[in-house]
Amino acid sequence: MNATLLAVAHGTRDPQGVRTVLALLDEIRRLRPGLRVEPARLGLVEPSVPQALASLPGPVIAVPLLLASGYHVRADIPALLAEADPGTVRVTPALGPSPLLAHALASRLTEAGRPPNASPVVLAATGSSDPRARADTAESARLLSAHLNAPVTTAFASGEGPTPAEAISAWHTAGHPDVSLATHLLAPGHFAHTLTQTTARWTSAPLGTHPSVAELVLRRYDEAAVPHTEVDGPARAY
């Protein structure tokens, strides 16, 4: 029996954010007919991870719908899975960084109107005090820069800066009037809304249901389905 894919997302009170994650799961089901795909949340919205696990028979592969390896991936999710049968639940690395996310980010920037030129980009993430999460965001910026053949710097909507406004202002001061803001977020919500208030010339939508994101979720699932696979990092069993 194939393991169920348990997609573990941030919780949000934004109804559009909830709908976006559910639509992403529909896209994953479309790409992999017959695979059971179920949602779980880290807060605010049910089902919680323990609630979801209690309703699922057989093996489960938990895929964090998170774009960097911060505290949620390293501590929260393992703690929530700690009481699960070690032989039935595995958890994968975060989605990012990945060339597939760089492709999705570039696509969203094109949709926002950014022309195919070398104008600078600010990659705006939620923010984290975890140095590994910040390093992942920096690597995501490097991958996007290589994909676009354009300079990309990072910014963070919360925590230690620079903020998106500061990062954009730095490019303006350096003589670049047309700056793009790449929204390094999965779904709409409070942080995504704040990013629409900057002076960026073009601001991309959250990654959402982009096909490359759905493909990446399935890639993480497939890597964990094979024991000891270490393509972008080892899956961990609980």
Protein backbone atom coordinates (compact mmCIF):
# COMPACT_ATOMS: atom_id res chain seq x y z
CA MET A 1 0.00 0.00 0.00
CA ASN A 2 1.31 3.45 -0.94
CA ALA A 3 1.93 5.77 1.98
CA THR A 4 -0.47 8.66 2.42
CA LEU A 5 1.03 12.06 1.64
CA LEU A 6 0.32 14.30 4.64
CA ALA A 7 0.86 17.91 3.55
CA VAL A 8 1.77 19.94 6.64
CA ALA A 9 1.15 23.67 6.18
CA HIS A 10 1.23 26.81 8.27
CA GLY A 11 -2.13 27.72 9.70
CA THR A 12 -3.74 30.96 8.58
CA ARG A 13 -6.97 32.83 9.30
CA ASP A 14 -6.99 34.12 5.72
CA PRO A 15 -9.72 32.19 3.85
CA GLN A 16 -7.90 32.64 0.55
CA GLY A 17 -4.77 31.19 2.10
CA VAL A 18 -6.71 28.12 3.25
CA ARG A 19 -8.28 27.70 -0.19
CA THR A 20 -4.91 28.05 -1.90
CA VAL A 21 -3.34 25.21 0.08
CA LEU A 22 -6.35 22.96 -0.60
CA ALA A 23 -6.14 23.83 -4.30
CA LEU A 24 -2.44 22.88 -4.28
CA LEU A 25 -3.39 19.49 -2.86
CA ASP A 26 -5.92 19.08 -5.66
CA GLU A 27 -3.13 19.80 -8.16
CA ILE A 28 -0.97 17.12 -6.51
CA ARG A 29 -3.84 14.62 -6.74
CA ARG A 30 -4.24 15.50 -10.41
CA LEU A 31 -0.56 14.80 -11.04
CA ARG A 32 -0.63 11.53 -9.07
CA PRO A 33 -4.04 9.85 -9.45
CA GLY A 34 -4.67 7.25 -6.78
CA LEU A 35 -2.33 8.79 -4.21
CA ARG A 36 -4.09 9.72 -0.98
CA VAL A 37 -3.22 13.33 -0.12
CA GLU A 38 -4.42 14.85 3.14
CA PRO A 39 -3.87 18.26 4.81
CA ALA A 40 -2.64 19.10 8.30
CA ARG A 41 -1.91 22.47 9.93
CA LEU A 42 0.63 23.73 12.41
CA GLY A 43 -1.91 26.05 14.00
CA LEU A 44 -5.11 28.11 13.69
CA VAL A 45 -6.88 25.72 11.30
CA GLU A 46 -7.83 22.08 11.72
CA PRO A 47 -6.90 19.34 11.28
CA SER A 48 -3.79 19.54 13.40
CA VAL A 49 -1.00 17.06 12.71
CA PRO A 50 -2.10 14.72 15.56
CA GLN A 51 -5.73 14.92 14.41
CA ALA A 52 -4.79 14.07 10.85
CA LEU A 53 -2.57 11.17 11.88
CA ALA A 54 -5.32 9.71 14.06
CA SER A 55 -7.59 9.45 11.04
CA LEU A 56 -5.05 7.87 8.67
CA PRO A 57 -4.45 4.13 8.47
CA GLY A 58 -1.17 2.64 7.31
CA PRO A 59 2.11 4.39 6.45
CA VAL A 60 2.30 8.18 6.19
CA ILE A 61 4.89 10.48 4.62
CA ALA A 62 4.62 14.01 6.04
CA VAL A 63 5.77 16.72 3.63
CA PRO A 64 6.21 20.18 5.22
CA LEU A 65 4.77 22.81 2.86
CA LEU A 66 7.50 25.16 4.08
CA LEU A 67 10.07 26.92 1.95
CA ALA A 68 13.03 26.76 4.36
CA SER A 69 14.31 24.56 7.18
CA GLY A 70 13.43 26.70 10.16
CA TYR A 71 12.16 25.91 13.63
CA HIS A 72 8.91 24.35 12.38
CA VAL A 73 10.80 21.75 10.34
CA ARG A 74 13.52 21.04 12.90
CA ALA A 75 11.46 21.09 16.10
CA ASP A 76 7.69 21.58 15.82
CA ILE A 77 6.90 18.86 13.29
CA PRO A 78 9.19 16.21 14.88
CA ALA A 79 7.59 16.97 18.25
CA LEU A 80 4.11 16.53 16.81
CA LEU A 81 5.16 13.23 15.27
CA ALA A 82 7.03 11.97 18.34
CA GLU A 83 4.16 9.79 19.56
CA ALA A 84 3.55 8.23 16.16
CA ASP A 85 4.64 4.67 15.41
CA PRO A 86 8.24 5.00 14.11
CA GLY A 87 7.51 2.37 11.48
CA THR A 88 4.55 4.18 9.94
CA VAL A 89 5.46 7.88 9.70
CA ARG A 90 8.32 9.58 7.87
CA VAL A 91 8.90 13.32 7.45
CA THR A 92 10.70 14.92 4.53
CA PRO A 93 12.90 18.02 4.35
CA ALA A 94 11.32 21.39 3.61
CA LEU A 95 10.44 22.22 0.03
CA GLY A 96 13.20 24.78 -0.37
CA PRO A 97 15.65 25.62 -1.55
CA SER A 98 15.11 23.99 -4.94
CA PRO A 99 15.50 24.86 -8.62
CA LEU A 100 11.81 24.02 -8.99
CA LEU A 101 10.94 26.85 -6.60
CA ALA A 102 13.22 29.18 -8.56
CA HIS A 103 11.31 28.26 -11.70
CA ALA A 104 7.98 28.91 -9.98
CA LEU A 105 9.19 32.26 -8.59
CA ALA A 106 10.39 33.35 -12.03
CA SER A 107 7.07 32.35 -13.54
CA ARG A 108 5.14 34.36 -10.94
CA LEU A 109 7.34 37.40 -11.65
CA THR A 110 6.59 37.11 -15.35
CA GLU A 111 2.87 36.93 -14.58
CA ALA A 112 3.26 40.11 -12.53
CA GLY A 113 4.65 41.92 -15.58
CA ARG A 114 8.40 41.82 -15.00
CA PRO A 115 10.14 41.91 -18.39
CA PRO A 116 12.94 39.45 -19.23
CA ASN A 117 15.83 41.77 -18.39
CA ALA A 118 18.55 42.06 -15.79
CA SER A 119 16.74 44.46 -13.43
CA PRO A 120 17.29 43.54 -9.76
CA VAL A 121 14.96 41.43 -7.66
CA VAL A 122 14.29 41.30 -3.93
CA LEU A 123 13.33 37.84 -2.66
CA ALA A 124 10.99 38.45 0.29
CA ALA A 125 10.52 35.65 2.82
CA THR A 126 8.57 35.51 6.08
CA GLY A 127 11.68 35.68 8.24
CA SER A 128 13.25 33.49 10.90
CA SER A 129 15.76 33.73 13.72
CA ASP A 130 17.07 30.31 12.70
CA PRO A 131 20.36 30.74 10.78
CA ARG A 132 19.65 27.60 8.76
CA ALA A 133 16.37 29.03 7.53
CA ARG A 134 18.09 32.27 6.57
CA ALA A 135 20.79 30.30 4.77
CA ASP A 136 18.08 28.42 2.86
CA THR A 137 16.53 31.74 1.82
CA ALA A 138 19.92 32.98 0.66
CA GLU A 139 20.34 29.82 -1.42
CA SER A 140 16.86 30.33 -2.89
CA ALA A 141 17.95 33.84 -3.89
CA ARG A 142 21.07 32.43 -5.55
CA LEU A 143 19.04 29.89 -7.50
CA LEU A 144 16.56 32.56 -8.62
CA SER A 145 19.45 34.82 -9.66
CA ALA A 146 20.91 32.05 -11.80
CA HIS A 147 17.50 31.33 -13.33
CA LEU A 148 16.81 34.99 -14.18
CA ASN A 149 20.41 36.00 -14.92
CA ALA A 150 19.75 39.00 -12.69
CA PRO A 151 20.90 40.17 -9.25
CA VAL A 152 18.71 38.96 -6.37
CA THR A 153 18.96 40.04 -2.72
CA THR A 154 16.98 38.77 0.27
CA ALA A 155 14.53 40.50 2.59
CA PHE A 156 12.40 39.36 5.50
CA ALA A 157 8.89 40.42 6.44
CA SER A 158 9.59 39.80 10.14
CA GLY A 159 12.54 39.35 12.45
CA GLU A 160 16.07 40.45 11.62
CA GLY A 161 16.24 42.56 8.44
CA PRO A 162 16.58 43.87 5.90
CA THR A 163 12.88 44.43 5.44
CA PRO A 164 11.46 44.34 1.90
CA ALA A 165 11.14 48.14 1.94
CA GLU A 166 14.78 48.53 3.00
CA ALA A 167 16.02 46.09 0.37
CA ILE A 168 14.06 47.83 -2.37
CA SER A 169 15.29 51.24 -1.21
CA ALA A 170 18.88 50.01 -1.34
CA TRP A 171 18.46 49.12 -5.01
CA HIS A 172 16.82 52.50 -5.72
CA THR A 173 19.72 54.28 -4.02
CA ALA A 174 22.15 52.28 -6.16
CA GLY A 175 20.47 53.65 -9.30
CA HIS A 176 17.93 50.95 -10.15
CA PRO A 177 14.43 52.46 -10.40
CA ASP A 178 12.73 49.26 -11.54
CA VAL A 179 12.95 46.67 -8.78
CA SER A 180 10.92 43.46 -8.64
CA LEU A 181 9.69 41.82 -5.46
CA ALA A 182 9.53 38.02 -5.54
CA THR A 183 7.07 36.78 -2.93
CA HIS A 184 8.77 33.76 -1.34
CA LEU A 185 5.55 32.56 0.30
CA LEU A 186 3.30 29.63 -0.46
CA ALA A 187 -0.12 31.19 0.05
CA PRO A 188 -1.92 34.49 0.69
CA GLY A 189 -2.06 35.77 4.23
CA HIS A 190 -0.90 38.62 6.43
CA PHE A 191 2.71 38.67 5.23
CA ALA A 192 1.77 38.38 1.56
CA HIS A 193 -0.58 41.34 1.97
CA THR A 194 2.14 43.52 3.49
CA LEU A 195 4.38 42.83 0.49
CA THR A 196 1.87 44.48 -1.84
CA GLN A 197 2.43 47.80 -0.03
CA THR A 198 6.07 48.37 -1.10
CA THR A 199 7.48 50.58 -3.85
CA ALA A 200 8.54 47.64 -6.02
CA ARG A 201 7.74 48.09 -9.72
CA TRP A 202 6.47 44.49 -9.94
CA THR A 203 5.38 42.21 -7.10
CA SER A 204 4.70 38.54 -7.71
CA ALA A 205 1.84 36.56 -6.23
CA PRO A 206 2.53 33.75 -3.73
CA LEU A 207 3.68 30.48 -5.26
CA GLY A 208 0.33 28.80 -4.59
CA THR A 209 -0.74 26.15 -7.07
CA HIS A 210 2.12 26.59 -9.53
CA PRO A 211 2.76 23.18 -11.17
CA SER A 212 6.43 23.26 -10.14
CA VAL A 213 5.40 23.47 -6.48
CA ALA A 214 3.12 20.46 -6.83
CA GLU A 215 5.91 18.60 -8.63
CA LEU A 216 8.32 19.45 -5.82
CA VAL A 217 5.94 18.15 -3.14
CA LEU A 218 5.74 14.85 -5.02
CA ARG A 219 9.51 14.77 -5.40
CA ARG A 220 9.95 15.12 -1.64
CA TYR A 221 7.36 12.36 -1.14
CA ASP A 222 9.11 10.03 -3.60
CA GLU A 223 12.51 10.62 -2.01
CA ALA A 224 11.13 9.67 1.39
CA ALA A 225 9.35 6.61 -0.01
CA VAL A 226 12.75 5.06 -0.78
CA PRO A 227 14.74 4.34 2.43
CA HIS A 228 18.01 6.20 2.86
CA THR A 229 17.43 8.48 -0.13
CA GLU A 230 19.47 11.66 0.28
CA VAL A 231 18.89 13.84 -2.76
CA ASP A 232 18.19 17.18 -1.05
CA GLY A 233 18.54 15.86 2.50
CA PRO A 234 17.54 12.70 4.31
CA ALA A 235 13.99 11.88 5.24
CA ARG A 236 13.60 11.17 8.94
CA ALA A 237 11.56 8.32 10.32
CA TYR A 238 9.49 8.58 13.53
